[in-house]
C-alpha cells in the first residue's frame, strides 16, 4: 500500500505567544510554505501564522 503524500506542519503565531495550529500539506502540489491569518486566543486577535516543522 502506498504512503500518504501529505505531511503535518505546525503553523506558529507571529505574535510570539507560542500558540500554534497543526495543518496538513501536500509538498508535491504546494511547494511554498503556508501562511494564514488565523485567531490567536492568547492575544485575542487575528494574526499571521507561518509554517514550521513539527519537532
N, C-alpha and C. Protein backbone atom coordinates (compact mmCIF):
# COMPACT_ATOMS: atom_id res chain seq x y z
N UNK A 1 0.84 -1.17 0.00
CA UNK A 1 0.00 0.00 0.00
C UNK A 1 0.89 1.24 0.00
N UNK A 2 0.50 2.27 -0.74
CA UNK A 2 1.29 3.48 -0.87
C UNK A 2 1.16 4.35 0.37
N UNK A 3 2.24 5.10 0.67
CA UNK A 3 2.21 6.04 1.78
C UNK A 3 1.43 7.28 1.38
N UNK A 4 0.89 7.95 2.35
CA UNK A 4 0.20 9.20 2.10
C UNK A 4 1.22 10.28 1.73
N UNK A 5 0.86 11.13 0.78
CA UNK A 5 1.80 12.16 0.35
C UNK A 5 1.71 13.42 1.20
N UNK A 6 0.70 13.53 2.07
CA UNK A 6 0.56 14.72 2.90
C UNK A 6 1.45 14.63 4.12
N UNK A 7 1.95 15.78 4.55
CA UNK A 7 2.76 15.85 5.77
C UNK A 7 2.08 16.81 6.74
N UNK A 8 2.34 16.62 8.02
CA UNK A 8 1.82 17.53 9.03
C UNK A 8 2.82 18.65 9.25
N UNK A 9 2.32 19.88 9.30
CA UNK A 9 3.16 21.04 9.58
C UNK A 9 2.54 21.83 10.72
N UNK A 10 3.38 22.58 11.40
CA UNK A 10 2.93 23.40 12.52
C UNK A 10 2.84 24.84 12.05
N UNK A 11 1.71 25.49 12.31
CA UNK A 11 1.52 26.90 11.99
C UNK A 11 1.70 27.70 13.28
N UNK A 12 2.81 28.45 13.37
CA UNK A 12 3.17 29.15 14.60
C UNK A 12 2.77 30.62 14.49
N UNK A 13 2.26 31.17 15.58
CA UNK A 13 1.80 32.55 15.62
C UNK A 13 2.99 33.51 15.51
N UNK A 14 2.82 34.59 14.74
CA UNK A 14 3.86 35.61 14.63
C UNK A 14 3.79 36.60 15.79
N UNK A 15 2.81 36.46 16.67
CA UNK A 15 2.69 37.33 17.84
C UNK A 15 3.58 36.85 18.99
N UNK A 16 4.36 35.79 18.76
CA UNK A 16 5.30 35.23 19.76
C UNK A 16 4.62 34.82 21.06
N UNK A 17 3.44 34.21 20.93
CA UNK A 17 2.73 33.72 22.11
C UNK A 17 2.99 32.23 22.32
N UNK A 18 3.54 31.56 21.30
CA UNK A 18 3.75 30.13 21.40
C UNK A 18 2.55 29.32 20.97
N UNK A 19 1.47 29.98 20.61
CA UNK A 19 0.26 29.28 20.17
C UNK A 19 0.47 28.80 18.75
N UNK A 20 -0.04 27.59 18.45
CA UNK A 20 0.12 27.04 17.10
C UNK A 20 -1.07 26.20 16.71
N UNK A 21 -1.24 26.04 15.40
CA UNK A 21 -2.20 25.13 14.80
C UNK A 21 -1.42 24.04 14.07
N UNK A 22 -2.04 22.90 13.82
CA UNK A 22 -1.44 21.84 13.03
C UNK A 22 -2.27 21.67 11.77
N UNK A 23 -1.58 21.62 10.62
CA UNK A 23 -2.26 21.52 9.34
C UNK A 23 -1.58 20.46 8.49
N UNK A 24 -2.30 19.96 7.49
CA UNK A 24 -1.74 19.02 6.53
C UNK A 24 -1.38 19.76 5.26
N UNK A 25 -0.29 19.31 4.61
CA UNK A 25 0.13 19.94 3.36
C UNK A 25 0.72 18.88 2.45
N UNK A 26 0.41 18.95 1.15
CA UNK A 26 0.98 18.06 0.17
C UNK A 26 2.19 18.76 -0.46
N UNK A 27 3.41 18.33 -0.17
CA UNK A 27 4.59 19.04 -0.68
C UNK A 27 4.79 18.90 -2.18
N UNK A 28 4.13 17.94 -2.80
CA UNK A 28 4.27 17.80 -4.26
C UNK A 28 3.46 18.85 -5.00
N UNK A 29 2.28 19.16 -4.50
CA UNK A 29 1.42 20.13 -5.17
C UNK A 29 1.64 21.55 -4.67
N UNK A 30 1.92 21.72 -3.39
CA UNK A 30 2.07 23.03 -2.78
C UNK A 30 3.52 23.17 -2.31
N UNK A 31 4.35 23.81 -3.11
CA UNK A 31 5.79 23.84 -2.80
C UNK A 31 6.16 24.98 -1.87
N UNK A 32 5.40 26.08 -1.85
CA UNK A 32 5.74 27.19 -0.97
C UNK A 32 5.21 26.93 0.44
N UNK A 33 5.73 27.68 1.41
CA UNK A 33 5.32 27.50 2.80
C UNK A 33 3.95 28.12 3.03
N UNK A 34 3.19 27.51 3.95
CA UNK A 34 1.85 28.00 4.26
C UNK A 34 1.93 29.26 5.13
N UNK A 35 0.96 30.13 4.93
CA UNK A 35 0.84 31.34 5.73
C UNK A 35 -0.63 31.71 5.77
N UNK A 36 -1.20 31.72 6.96
CA UNK A 36 -2.62 32.01 7.14
C UNK A 36 -2.81 33.11 8.17
N UNK A 37 -3.93 33.81 8.05
CA UNK A 37 -4.34 34.77 9.07
C UNK A 37 -5.43 34.08 9.88
N UNK A 38 -5.07 33.71 11.12
CA UNK A 38 -5.99 32.96 11.98
C UNK A 38 -6.06 33.61 13.36
N UNK A 39 -6.96 33.11 14.18
CA UNK A 39 -7.20 33.68 15.50
C UNK A 39 -6.21 33.13 16.52
N UNK A 40 -5.59 34.03 17.28
CA UNK A 40 -4.70 33.66 18.39
C UNK A 40 -5.40 34.04 19.69
N UNK A 41 -5.88 33.05 20.46
CA UNK A 41 -6.65 33.37 21.66
C UNK A 41 -5.82 34.00 22.78
N UNK A 42 -4.52 33.90 22.73
CA UNK A 42 -3.70 34.48 23.79
C UNK A 42 -3.59 35.99 23.68
N UNK A 43 -3.64 36.52 22.47
CA UNK A 43 -3.67 37.98 22.28
C UNK A 43 -5.06 38.47 21.89
N UNK A 44 -6.00 37.51 21.67
CA UNK A 44 -7.39 37.77 21.32
C UNK A 44 -7.49 38.62 20.05
N UNK A 45 -6.70 38.22 19.03
CA UNK A 45 -6.71 38.90 17.74
C UNK A 45 -6.46 37.89 16.64
N UNK A 46 -6.73 38.31 15.40
CA UNK A 46 -6.30 37.54 14.24
C UNK A 46 -4.90 38.00 13.88
N UNK A 47 -3.97 37.05 13.79
CA UNK A 47 -2.59 37.35 13.42
C UNK A 47 -2.16 36.37 12.32
N UNK A 48 -1.00 36.62 11.75
CA UNK A 48 -0.48 35.74 10.72
C UNK A 48 0.22 34.55 11.37
N UNK A 49 -0.08 33.36 10.87
CA UNK A 49 0.55 32.13 11.31
C UNK A 49 1.42 31.62 10.19
N UNK A 50 2.69 31.30 10.47
CA UNK A 50 3.62 30.83 9.45
C UNK A 50 4.00 29.38 9.72
N UNK A 51 4.30 28.66 8.67
CA UNK A 51 4.61 27.24 8.74
C UNK A 51 6.01 27.00 9.32
N UNK A 52 6.11 25.97 10.17
CA UNK A 52 7.40 25.48 10.65
C UNK A 52 7.28 23.97 10.80
N UNK A 53 8.41 23.31 10.97
CA UNK A 53 8.39 21.85 11.09
C UNK A 53 7.93 21.41 12.46
N UNK A 54 7.32 20.25 12.52
CA UNK A 54 6.95 19.64 13.80
C UNK A 54 8.17 18.89 14.30
N UNK A 55 8.56 19.17 15.54
CA UNK A 55 9.76 18.53 16.09
C UNK A 55 9.40 17.32 16.89
